[in-house]
Protein backbone atom coordinates (compact mmCIF):
# COMPACT_ATOMS: atom_id res chain seq x y z
CA UNK A 1 40.98 143.11 244.59
CA UNK A 2 37.84 145.18 244.90
CA UNK A 3 37.53 144.52 248.62
CA UNK A 4 41.20 145.36 249.16
CA UNK A 5 40.80 148.71 247.41
CA UNK A 6 37.61 149.39 249.33
CA UNK A 7 39.25 148.56 252.67
CA UNK A 8 42.39 150.59 252.04
CA UNK A 9 40.42 153.60 250.81
CA UNK A 10 38.01 153.39 253.75
CA UNK A 11 40.96 153.29 256.16
CA UNK A 12 42.53 156.28 254.39
CA UNK A 13 39.24 158.21 254.50
CA UNK A 14 38.81 157.42 258.21
CA UNK A 15 42.25 158.88 258.94
CA UNK A 16 41.46 162.02 256.91
CA UNK A 17 38.10 162.52 258.66
CA UNK A 18 39.69 161.89 262.05
CA UNK A 19 42.21 164.67 261.30
CA UNK A 20 39.30 166.88 260.22
CA UNK A 21 37.51 166.19 263.52
CA UNK A 22 40.61 167.21 265.48
CA UNK A 23 40.94 170.38 263.41
CA UNK A 24 37.24 171.21 263.89
CA UNK A 25 37.46 170.74 267.66
CA UNK A 26 40.52 172.96 267.85
CA UNK A 27 38.91 175.57 265.62
CA UNK A 28 36.16 176.08 268.20
CA UNK A 29 38.84 176.69 270.77
CA UNK A 30 40.63 179.30 268.65
CA UNK A 31 37.72 180.87 266.75
CA UNK A 32 38.22 184.23 268.49
CA UNK A 33 41.64 184.68 266.88
CA UNK A 34 40.46 184.89 263.28
CA UNK A 35 37.10 185.14 261.49
CA UNK A 36 38.45 182.96 258.69
CA UNK A 37 38.74 179.79 260.77
CA UNK A 38 35.05 178.85 260.50
CA UNK A 39 35.08 179.53 256.75
CA UNK A 40 38.15 177.32 256.38
CA UNK A 41 36.51 174.50 258.36
CA UNK A 42 33.39 174.66 256.17
CA UNK A 43 35.56 174.60 253.07
CA UNK A 44 37.47 171.58 254.39
CA UNK A 45 34.22 169.79 255.20
CA UNK A 46 32.86 170.16 251.67
CA UNK A 47 36.23 169.35 250.11
CA UNK A 48 36.58 166.13 252.13
CA UNK A 49 32.96 165.18 251.47
CA UNK A 50 33.35 165.58 247.71
CA UNK A 51 36.70 163.75 247.72
CA UNK A 52 35.22 160.87 249.72
CA UNK A 53 32.22 160.47 247.40
CA UNK A 54 34.33 160.74 244.25
CA UNK A 55 36.79 158.19 245.62
CA UNK A 56 34.08 155.63 246.31
CA UNK A 57 32.52 156.27 242.89
CA UNK A 58 35.90 155.67 241.23
CA UNK A 59 36.46 152.47 243.19
CA UNK A 60 33.04 151.10 242.24
CA UNK A 61 33.37 152.30 238.64
CA UNK A 62 36.76 150.64 238.14
CA UNK A 63 35.94 147.48 240.04
CA UNK A 64 35.61 144.05 238.53
CA UNK A 65 32.07 143.79 239.88
CA UNK A 66 30.75 146.41 237.47
CA UNK A 67 33.13 145.62 234.63
CA UNK A 68 32.23 141.98 234.22
CA UNK A 69 31.57 141.50 230.57
CA UNK A 70 29.45 138.77 229.23
CA UNK A 71 31.17 137.19 226.31
CA UNK A 72 28.95 135.38 223.92
CA UNK A 73 30.63 133.25 221.34
CA UNK A 74 28.49 132.10 218.51
CA UNK A 75 29.78 129.05 216.75
CA UNK A 76 28.06 127.67 213.73
CA UNK A 77 28.25 123.95 213.41
CA UNK A 78 28.92 123.44 209.76
CA UNK A 79 28.79 119.90 208.61
CA UNK A 80 31.10 119.19 205.73
CA UNK A 81 29.71 116.90 203.13
CA UNK A 82 31.97 114.74 201.06
CA UNK A 83 31.33 115.12 197.39
CA UNK A 84 32.69 112.68 194.80
CA UNK A 85 32.87 113.65 191.17
């Protein structure tokens, strides 16, 4: 399941970053229209970077690879002695 989550999230992140790349390319084309475009692109870059890192941290944190618990069962072998009165 871990690899499925990792693959789906990576695909989702690739689509988001591809959209960001298209927006960044078009922002250079239209940067003369507004001074706020470059600020918005920087904000989007940091937002997507933080979201990407947090997403991967959550996937690794919730994965079965890190959550494998070692269960130790201690059984005492008690030998019952028969006592006759």
